[in-house]
């Protein structure tokens, strides 16, 4: 695995390119009015879609970054879509 080549615990190889990652944020066309405290943006939604970030194994390299986002309906299931579990200490 690529992460074994590095001395740090987590690397960019652990973060991008596996599957699109669902977020809690609903879709907005821009960031005007977005929360500034890092919380999910769940108000003022333009429709019922949610944000997916990061690209997947099926994307070109330009789409494999956290800032790259698309939207889709929460009921969508696909082999290129998933979610990331995270916990705080």
PDB file of N, CA and C in Angstrom:
ATOM      1  N   UNK A   1       0.832  -1.186   0.000  1.00  0.00           N
ATOM      2  CA  UNK A   1       0.000   0.000   0.000  1.00  0.00           C
ATOM      3  C   UNK A   1       0.873   1.243   0.000  1.00  0.00           C
ATOM      4  N   UNK A   2       0.359   2.292  -0.620  1.00  0.00           N
ATOM      5  CA  UNK A   2       1.146   3.511  -0.727  1.00  0.00           C
ATOM      6  C   UNK A   2       1.468   4.155   0.611  1.00  0.00           C
ATOM      7  N   UNK A   3       0.554   4.065   1.579  1.00  0.00           N
ATOM      8  CA  UNK A   3       0.800   4.737   2.857  1.00  0.00           C
ATOM      9  C   UNK A   3       1.963   4.117   3.628  1.00  0.00           C
ATOM     10  N   UNK A   4       2.336   2.910   3.315  1.00  0.00           N
ATOM     11  CA  UNK A   4       3.473   2.282   3.988  1.00  0.00           C
ATOM     12  C   UNK A   4       4.802   2.893   3.553  1.00  0.00           C
ATOM     13  N   UNK A   5       4.793   3.618   2.445  1.00  0.00           N
ATOM     14  CA  UNK A   5       6.006   4.251   1.953  1.00  0.00           C
ATOM     15  C   UNK A   5       6.310   5.550   2.686  1.00  0.00           C
ATOM     16  N   UNK A   6       5.375   6.019   3.483  1.00  0.00           N
ATOM     17  CA  UNK A   6       5.509   7.314   4.138  1.00  0.00           C
ATOM     18  C   UNK A   6       5.654   7.143   5.648  1.00  0.00           C
ATOM     19  N   UNK A   7       6.328   8.081   6.272  1.00  0.00           N
ATOM     20  CA  UNK A   7       6.553   8.023   7.718  1.00  0.00           C
ATOM     21  C   UNK A   7       5.373   8.584   8.512  1.00  0.00           C
ATOM     22  N   UNK A   8       4.564   9.453   7.886  1.00  0.00           N
ATOM     23  CA  UNK A   8       3.435  10.036   8.607  1.00  0.00           C
ATOM     24  C   UNK A   8       2.250   9.068   8.594  1.00  0.00           C
ATOM     25  N   UNK A   9       1.374   9.217   9.571  1.00  0.00           N
ATOM     26  CA  UNK A   9       0.282   8.266   9.723  1.00  0.00           C
ATOM     27  C   UNK A   9      -0.729   8.333   8.573  1.00  0.00           C
ATOM     28  N   UNK A  10      -1.135   9.529   8.177  1.00  0.00           N
ATOM     29  CA  UNK A  10      -2.111   9.677   7.112  1.00  0.00           C
ATOM     30  C   UNK A  10      -1.510  10.510   5.996  1.00  0.00           C
ATOM     31  N   UNK A  11      -1.800  10.136   4.779  1.00  0.00           N
ATOM     32  CA  UNK A  11      -1.235  10.821   3.618  1.00  0.00           C
ATOM     33  C   UNK A  11      -2.345  11.192   2.656  1.00  0.00           C
ATOM     34  N   UNK A  12      -2.047  12.017   1.661  1.00  0.00           N
ATOM     35  CA  UNK A  12      -3.059  12.316   0.640  1.00  0.00           C
ATOM     36  C   UNK A  12      -3.541  11.059  -0.088  1.00  0.00           C
ATOM     37  N   UNK A  13      -2.718  10.019  -0.122  1.00  0.00           N
ATOM     38  CA  UNK A  13      -3.141   8.787  -0.769  1.00  0.00           C
ATOM     39  C   UNK A  13      -4.336   8.167  -0.057  1.00  0.00           C
ATOM     40  N   UNK A  14      -4.503   8.459   1.219  1.00  0.00           N
ATOM     41  CA  UNK A  14      -5.625   7.928   1.988  1.00  0.00           C
ATOM     42  C   UNK A  14      -6.909   8.724   1.767  1.00  0.00           C
ATOM     43  N   UNK A  15      -6.813   9.867   1.142  1.00  0.00           N
ATOM     44  CA  UNK A  15      -7.926  10.801   1.123  1.00  0.00           C
ATOM     45  C   UNK A  15      -8.663  10.907  -0.210  1.00  0.00           C
ATOM     46  N   UNK A  16      -8.019  10.657  -1.315  1.00  0.00           N
ATOM     47  CA  UNK A  16      -8.637  10.988  -2.604  1.00  0.00           C
ATOM     48  C   UNK A  16      -8.643   9.810  -3.569  1.00  0.00           C
ATOM     49  N   UNK A  17      -9.643   9.836  -4.444  1.00  0.00           N
ATOM     50  CA  UNK A  17      -9.640   8.947  -5.579  1.00  0.00           C
ATOM     51  C   UNK A  17     -10.296   7.597  -5.399  1.00  0.00           C
ATOM     52  N   UNK A  18     -10.724   7.256  -4.218  1.00  0.00           N
ATOM     53  CA  UNK A  18     -11.390   5.973  -4.035  1.00  0.00           C
ATOM     54  C   UNK A  18     -12.838   6.096  -4.513  1.00  0.00           C
ATOM     55  N   UNK A  19     -13.663   6.816  -3.775  1.00  0.00           N
ATOM     56  CA  UNK A  19     -15.056   7.054  -4.167  1.00  0.00           C
ATOM     57  C   UNK A  19     -15.427   8.505  -3.885  1.00  0.00           C
ATOM     58  N   UNK A  20     -16.448   8.983  -4.575  1.00  0.00           N
ATOM     59  CA  UNK A  20     -17.033  10.269  -4.217  1.00  0.00           C
ATOM     60  C   UNK A  20     -17.517  10.163  -2.784  1.00  0.00           C
ATOM     61  N   UNK A  21     -17.364  11.214  -2.010  1.00  0.00           N
ATOM     62  CA  UNK A  21     -17.781  11.171  -0.609  1.00  0.00           C
ATOM     63  C   UNK A  21     -18.987  12.073  -0.381  1.00  0.00           C
ATOM     64  N   UNK A  22     -20.068  11.470   0.139  1.00  0.00           N
ATOM     65  CA  UNK A  22     -21.241  12.248   0.515  1.00  0.00           C
ATOM     66  C   UNK A  22     -20.858  13.215   1.632  1.00  0.00           C
ATOM     67  N   UNK A  23     -21.448  14.389   1.618  1.00  0.00           N
ATOM     68  CA  UNK A  23     -21.323  15.318   2.731  1.00  0.00           C
ATOM     69  C   UNK A  23     -22.712  15.588   3.288  1.00  0.00           C
ATOM     70  N   UNK A  24     -22.774  16.201   4.434  1.00  0.00           N
ATOM     71  CA  UNK A  24     -24.066  16.559   5.026  1.00  0.00           C
ATOM     72  C   UNK A  24     -24.635  17.818   4.364  1.00  0.00           C
ATOM     73  N   UNK A  25     -23.795  18.580   3.698  1.00  0.00           N
ATOM     74  CA  UNK A  25     -24.226  19.835   3.074  1.00  0.00           C
ATOM     75  C   UNK A  25     -25.232  19.599   1.960  1.00  0.00           C
ATOM     76  N   UNK A  26     -26.253  20.450   1.915  1.00  0.00           N
ATOM     77  CA  UNK A  26     -27.123  20.443   0.750  1.00  0.00           C
ATOM     78  C   UNK A  26     -26.489  21.355  -0.306  1.00  0.00           C
ATOM     79  N   UNK A  27     -26.939  21.220  -1.534  1.00  0.00           N
ATOM     80  CA  UNK A  27     -26.314  21.928  -2.648  1.00  0.00           C
ATOM     81  C   UNK A  27     -26.664  23.416  -2.659  1.00  0.00           C
ATOM     82  N   UNK A  28     -25.641  24.230  -2.836  1.00  0.00           N
ATOM     83  CA  UNK A  28     -25.770  25.655  -3.113  1.00  0.00           C
ATOM     84  C   UNK A  28     -24.841  25.941  -4.286  1.00  0.00           C
ATOM     85  N   UNK A  29     -25.222  26.866  -5.147  1.00  0.00           N
ATOM     86  CA  UNK A  29     -24.414  27.112  -6.343  1.00  0.00           C
ATOM     87  C   UNK A  29     -23.085  27.796  -6.032  1.00  0.00           C
ATOM     88  N   UNK A  30     -23.005  28.475  -4.880  1.00  0.00           N
ATOM     89  CA  UNK A  30     -21.741  29.108  -4.482  1.00  0.00           C
ATOM     90  C   UNK A  30     -21.679  29.117  -2.952  1.00  0.00           C
ATOM     91  N   UNK A  31     -20.632  29.708  -2.422  1.00  0.00           N
ATOM     92  CA  UNK A  31     -20.431  29.688  -0.966  1.00  0.00           C
ATOM     93  C   UNK A  31     -20.929  30.950  -0.259  1.00  0.00           C
ATOM     94  N   UNK A  32     -21.646  31.787  -0.961  1.00  0.00           N
ATOM     95  CA  UNK A  32     -22.196  32.988  -0.348  1.00  0.00           C
ATOM     96  C   UNK A  32     -23.214  32.604   0.723  1.00  0.00           C
ATOM     97  N   UNK A  33     -22.955  32.995   1.963  1.00  0.00           N
ATOM     98  CA  UNK A  33     -23.838  32.672   3.076  1.00  0.00           C
ATOM     99  C   UNK A  33     -23.510  31.372   3.778  1.00  0.00           C
ATOM    100  N   UNK A  34     -22.419  30.731   3.393  1.00  0.00           N
ATOM    101  CA  UNK A  34     -22.032  29.458   4.018  1.00  0.00           C
ATOM    102  C   UNK A  34     -21.595  29.680   5.460  1.00  0.00           C
ATOM    103  N   UNK A  35     -21.781  28.689   6.317  1.00  0.00           N
ATOM    104  CA  UNK A  35     -21.307  28.797   7.699  1.00  0.00           C
ATOM    105  C   UNK A  35     -19.792  29.013   7.726  1.00  0.00           C
ATOM    106  N   UNK A  36     -19.346  29.814   8.643  1.00  0.00           N
ATOM    107  CA  UNK A  36     -17.904  30.091   8.751  1.00  0.00           C
ATOM    108  C   UNK A  36     -17.245  29.295   9.868  1.00  0.00           C
ATOM    109  N   UNK A  37     -18.026  28.481  10.581  1.00  0.00           N
ATOM    110  CA  UNK A  37     -17.476  27.727  11.709  1.00  0.00           C
ATOM    111  C   UNK A  37     -17.181  26.258  11.383  1.00  0.00           C
ATOM    112  N   UNK A  38     -17.284  25.886  10.115  1.00  0.00           N
ATOM    113  CA  UNK A  38     -17.001  24.516   9.713  1.00  0.00           C
ATOM    114  C   UNK A  38     -18.176  23.567   9.823  1.00  0.00           C
ATOM    115  N   UNK A  39     -19.314  24.068  10.271  1.00  0.00           N
ATOM    116  CA  UNK A  39     -20.492  23.196  10.404  1.00  0.00           C
ATOM    117  C   UNK A  39     -21.120  22.930   9.033  1.00  0.00           C
ATOM    118  N   UNK A  40     -21.953  21.902   8.977  1.00  0.00           N
ATOM    119  CA  UNK A  40     -22.646  21.555   7.733  1.00  0.00           C
ATOM    120  C   UNK A  40     -23.621  22.653   7.361  1.00  0.00           C
ATOM    121  N   UNK A  41     -23.791  22.863   6.064  1.00  0.00           N
ATOM    122  CA  UNK A  41     -24.699  23.885   5.545  1.00  0.00           C
ATOM    123  C   UNK A  41     -25.993  23.191   5.131  1.00  0.00           C
ATOM    124  N   UNK A  42     -26.952  23.177   6.022  1.00  0.00           N
ATOM    125  CA  UNK A  42     -28.192  22.425   5.803  1.00  0.00           C
ATOM    126  C   UNK A  42     -29.424  23.306   5.689  1.00  0.00           C
ATOM    127  N   UNK A  43     -29.241  24.602   5.584  1.00  0.00           N
ATOM    128  CA  UNK A  43     -30.380  25.520   5.452  1.00  0.00           C
ATOM    129  C   UNK A  43     -30.320  26.236   4.114  1.00  0.00           C
ATOM    130  N   UNK A  44     -31.470  26.715   3.658  1.00  0.00           N
ATOM    131  CA  UNK A  44     -31.524  27.471   2.411  1.00  0.00           C
ATOM    132  C   UNK A  44     -31.202  26.641   1.186  1.00  0.00           C
ATOM    133  N   UNK A  45     -31.514  25.371   1.230  1.00  0.00           N
ATOM    134  CA  UNK A  45     -31.188  24.454   0.134  1.00  0.00           C
ATOM    135  C   UNK A  45     -31.995  24.797  -1.112  1.00  0.00           C
ATOM    136  N   UNK A  46     -31.346  24.739  -2.257  1.00  0.00           N
ATOM    137  CA  UNK A  46     -32.029  25.082  -3.502  1.00  0.00           C
ATOM    138  C   UNK A  46     -32.905  23.936  -4.020  1.00  0.00           C
ATOM    139  N   UNK A  47     -32.582  22.706  -3.647  1.00  0.00           N
ATOM    140  CA  UNK A  47     -33.381  21.545  -4.028  1.00  0.00           C
ATOM    141  C   UNK A  47     -33.063  20.414  -3.049  1.00  0.00           C
ATOM    142  N   UNK A  48     -33.397  19.199  -3.378  1.00  0.00           N
ATOM    143  CA  UNK A  48     -33.173  18.072  -2.463  1.00  0.00           C
ATOM    144  C   UNK A  48     -31.834  17.379  -2.660  1.00  0.00           C
ATOM    145  N   UNK A  49     -30.920  17.989  -3.392  1.00  0.00           N
ATOM    146  CA  UNK A  49     -29.645  17.334  -3.648  1.00  0.00           C
ATOM    147  C   UNK A  49     -28.631  17.617  -2.549  1.00  0.00           C
ATOM    148  N   UNK A  50     -27.657  16.730  -2.439  1.00  0.00           N
ATOM    149  CA  UNK A  50     -26.561  16.853  -1.475  1.00  0.00           C
ATOM    150  C   UNK A  50     -25.242  16.926  -2.224  1.00  0.00           C
ATOM    151  N   UNK A  51     -24.228  17.386  -1.526  1.00  0.00           N
ATOM    152  CA  UNK A  51     -22.903  17.569  -2.118  1.00  0.00           C
ATOM    153  C   UNK A  51     -22.093  16.278  -2.013  1.00  0.00           C
ATOM    154  N   UNK A  52     -21.423  15.941  -3.109  1.00  0.00           N
ATOM    155  CA  UNK A  52     -20.419  14.871  -3.128  1.00  0.00           C
ATOM    156  C   UNK A  52     -19.082  15.532  -3.440  1.00  0.00           C
ATOM    157  N   UNK A  53     -18.026  15.085  -2.778  1.00  0.00           N
ATOM    158  CA  UNK A  53     -16.698  15.686  -2.951  1.00  0.00           C
ATOM    159  C   UNK A  53     -15.637  14.649  -3.262  1.00  0.00           C
ATOM    160  N   UNK A  54     -14.582  15.127  -3.901  1.00  0.00           N
ATOM    161  CA  UNK A  54     -13.339  14.382  -3.998  1.00  0.00           C
ATOM    162  C   UNK A  54     -13.110  13.519  -5.213  1.00  0.00           C
ATOM    163  N   UNK A  55     -14.100  13.258  -6.027  1.00  0.00           N
ATOM    164  CA  UNK A  55     -13.898  12.404  -7.177  1.00  0.00           C
ATOM    165  C   UNK A  55     -13.747  10.942  -6.804  1.00  0.00           C
ATOM    166  N   UNK A  56     -13.623  10.106  -7.811  1.00  0.00           N
ATOM    167  CA  UNK A  56     -13.499   8.667  -7.567  1.00  0.00           C
ATOM    168  C   UNK A  56     -12.505   8.059  -8.543  1.00  0.00           C
ATOM    169  N   UNK A  57     -12.359   6.755  -8.447  1.00  0.00           N
ATOM    170  CA  UNK A  57     -11.455   6.023  -9.320  1.00  0.00           C
ATOM    171  C   UNK A  57     -11.806   6.206 -10.793  1.00  0.00           C
ATOM    172  N   UNK A  58     -13.025   6.626 -11.094  1.00  0.00           N
ATOM    173  CA  UNK A  58     -13.448   6.798 -12.478  1.00  0.00           C
ATOM    174  C   UNK A  58     -13.220   8.190 -13.037  1.00  0.00           C
ATOM    175  N   UNK A  59     -12.631   9.094 -12.257  1.00  0.00           N
ATOM    176  CA  UNK A  59     -12.424  10.467 -12.693  1.00  0.00           C
ATOM    177  C   UNK A  59     -11.014  10.701 -13.208  1.00  0.00           C
ATOM    178  N   UNK A  60     -10.881  11.761 -13.989  1.00  0.00           N
ATOM    179  CA  UNK A  60      -9.555  12.221 -14.397  1.00  0.00           C
ATOM    180  C   UNK A  60      -8.865  12.857 -13.197  1.00  0.00           C
ATOM    181  N   UNK A  61      -7.544  12.925 -13.183  1.00  0.00           N
ATOM    182  CA  UNK A  61      -6.816  13.477 -12.030  1.00  0.00           C
ATOM    183  C   UNK A  61      -7.263  14.869 -11.597  1.00  0.00           C
ATOM    184  N   UNK A  62      -7.680  15.714 -12.520  1.00  0.00           N
ATOM    185  CA  UNK A  62      -8.102  17.078 -12.158  1.00  0.00           C
ATOM    186  C   UNK A  62      -9.299  17.079 -11.212  1.00  0.00           C
ATOM    187  N   UNK A  63     -10.091  16.020 -11.224  1.00  0.00           N
ATOM    188  CA  UNK A  63     -11.257  15.943 -10.359  1.00  0.00           C
ATOM    189  C   UNK A  63     -10.993  15.292  -9.017  1.00  0.00           C
ATOM    190  N   UNK A  64      -9.765  14.868  -8.775  1.00  0.00           N
ATOM    191  CA  UNK A  64      -9.446  14.161  -7.535  1.00  0.00           C
ATOM    192  C   UNK A  64      -8.880  15.116  -6.502  1.00  0.00           C
ATOM    193  N   UNK A  65      -9.731  15.983  -5.998  1.00  0.00           N
ATOM    194  CA  UNK A  65      -9.332  16.939  -4.966  1.00  0.00           C
ATOM    195  C   UNK A  65     -10.552  17.297  -4.136  1.00  0.00           C
ATOM    196  N   UNK A  66     -10.338  17.667  -2.896  1.00  0.00           N
ATOM    197  CA  UNK A  66     -11.440  17.955  -1.974  1.00  0.00           C
ATOM    198  C   UNK A  66     -12.338  19.078  -2.448  1.00  0.00           C
ATOM    199  N   UNK A  67     -11.777  20.053  -3.126  1.00  0.00           N
ATOM    200  CA  UNK A  67     -12.560  21.203  -3.573  1.00  0.00           C
ATOM    201  C   UNK A  67     -13.467  20.864  -4.753  1.00  0.00           C
ATOM    202  N   UNK A  68     -13.218  19.768  -5.429  1.00  0.00           N
ATOM    203  CA  UNK A  68     -14.040  19.365  -6.566  1.00  0.00           C
ATOM    204  C   UNK A  68     -15.332  18.784  -6.026  1.00  0.00           C
ATOM    205  N   UNK A  69     -16.467  19.330  -6.452  1.00  0.00           N
ATOM    206  CA  UNK A  69     -17.740  18.867  -5.915  1.00  0.00           C
ATOM    207  C   UNK A  69     -18.790  18.769  -7.001  1.00  0.00           C
ATOM    208  N   UNK A  70     -19.729  17.882  -6.785  1.00  0.00           N
ATOM    209  CA  UNK A  70     -20.895  17.734  -7.644  1.00  0.00           C
ATOM    210  C   UNK A  70     -22.098  17.559  -6.721  1.00  0.00           C
ATOM    211  N   UNK A  71     -23.266  17.442  -7.301  1.00  0.00           N
ATOM    212  CA  UNK A  71     -24.461  17.206  -6.486  1.00  0.00           C
ATOM    213  C   UNK A  71     -25.239  16.031  -7.044  1.00  0.00           C
ATOM    214  N   UNK A  72     -26.003  15.404  -6.166  1.00  0.00           N
ATOM    215  CA  UNK A  72     -26.892  14.342  -6.590  1.00  0.00           C
ATOM    216  C   UNK A  72     -27.922  14.091  -5.493  1.00  0.00           C
ATOM    217  N   UNK A  73     -28.897  13.267  -5.814  1.00  0.00           N
ATOM    218  CA  UNK A  73     -29.948  12.964  -4.855  1.00  0.00           C
ATOM    219  C   UNK A  73     -29.457  11.922  -3.856  1.00  0.00           C
ATOM    220  N   UNK A  74     -29.802  12.076  -2.579  1.00  0.00           N
ATOM    221  CA  UNK A  74     -29.299  11.180  -1.535  1.00  0.00           C
ATOM    222  C   UNK A  74     -29.596   9.702  -1.753  1.00  0.00           C
ATOM    223  N   UNK A  75     -30.609   9.373  -2.494  1.00  0.00           N
ATOM    224  CA  UNK A  75     -30.950   7.978  -2.738  1.00  0.00           C
ATOM    225  C   UNK A  75     -30.095   7.293  -3.790  1.00  0.00           C
ATOM    226  N   UNK A  76     -29.223   8.038  -4.453  1.00  0.00           N
ATOM    227  CA  UNK A  76     -28.383   7.469  -5.501  1.00  0.00           C
ATOM    228  C   UNK A  76     -27.413   6.445  -4.932  1.00  0.00           C
ATOM    229  N   UNK A  77     -27.305   5.301  -5.574  1.00  0.00           N
ATOM    230  CA  UNK A  77     -26.343   4.274  -5.189  1.00  0.00           C
ATOM    231  C   UNK A  77     -25.478   3.960  -6.405  1.00  0.00           C
ATOM    232  N   UNK A  78     -24.168   3.858  -6.188  1.00  0.00           N
ATOM    233  CA  UNK A  78     -23.244   3.611  -7.282  1.00  0.00           C
ATOM    234  C   UNK A  78     -21.935   3.091  -6.705  1.00  0.00           C
ATOM    235  N   UNK A  79     -21.169   2.357  -7.486  1.00  0.00           N
ATOM    236  CA  UNK A  79     -19.907   1.820  -6.978  1.00  0.00           C
ATOM    237  C   UNK A  79     -18.813   2.870  -6.862  1.00  0.00           C
ATOM    238  N   UNK A  80     -19.112   4.091  -7.275  1.00  0.00           N
ATOM    239  CA  UNK A  80     -18.111   5.164  -7.145  1.00  0.00           C
ATOM    240  C   UNK A  80     -18.512   6.191  -6.081  1.00  0.00           C
ATOM    241  N   UNK A  81     -19.505   5.868  -5.251  1.00  0.00           N
ATOM    242  CA  UNK A  81     -19.983   6.789  -4.219  1.00  0.00           C
ATOM    243  C   UNK A  81     -19.940   6.100  -2.865  1.00  0.00           C
ATOM    244  N   UNK A  82     -19.452   6.822  -1.867  1.00  0.00           N
ATOM    245  CA  UNK A  82     -19.392   6.282  -0.505  1.00  0.00           C
ATOM    246  C   UNK A  82     -19.412   7.401   0.511  1.00  0.00           C
ATOM    247  N   UNK A  83     -18.872   7.143   1.674  1.00  0.00           N
ATOM    248  CA  UNK A  83     -18.780   8.160   2.706  1.00  0.00           C
ATOM    249  C   UNK A  83     -17.560   7.859   3.563  1.00  0.00           C
ATOM    250  N   UNK A  84     -17.111   8.851   4.287  1.00  0.00           N
ATOM    251  CA  UNK A  84     -15.940   8.708   5.146  1.00  0.00           C
ATOM    252  C   UNK A  84     -16.380   8.781   6.604  1.00  0.00           C
ATOM    253  N   UNK A  85     -15.970   7.814   7.355  1.00  0.00           N
ATOM    254  CA  UNK A  85     -16.218   7.846   8.799  1.00  0.00           C
ATOM    255  C   UNK A  85     -15.078   8.591   9.467  1.00  0.00           C
ATOM    256  N   UNK A  86     -15.414   9.436  10.387  1.00  0.00           N
ATOM    257  CA  UNK A  86     -14.400  10.200  11.105  1.00  0.00           C
ATOM    258  C   UNK A  86     -14.788  10.272  12.565  1.00  0.00           C
ATOM    259  N   UNK A  87     -13.791  10.367  13.396  1.00  0.00           N
ATOM    260  CA  UNK A  87     -14.054  10.560  14.829  1.00  0.00           C
ATOM    261  C   UNK A  87     -13.025  11.525  15.373  1.00  0.00           C
ATOM    262  N   UNK A  88     -13.400  12.158  16.441  1.00  0.00           N
ATOM    263  CA  UNK A  88     -12.473  13.063  17.099  1.00  0.00           C
ATOM    264  C   UNK A  88     -11.987  12.401  18.369  1.00  0.00           C
ATOM    265  N   UNK A  89     -10.784  12.742  18.785  1.00  0.00           N
ATOM    266  CA  UNK A  89     -10.234  12.107  19.999  1.00  0.00           C
ATOM    267  C   UNK A  89     -11.032  12.458  21.241  1.00  0.00           C
TER     268      UNK A  89
END
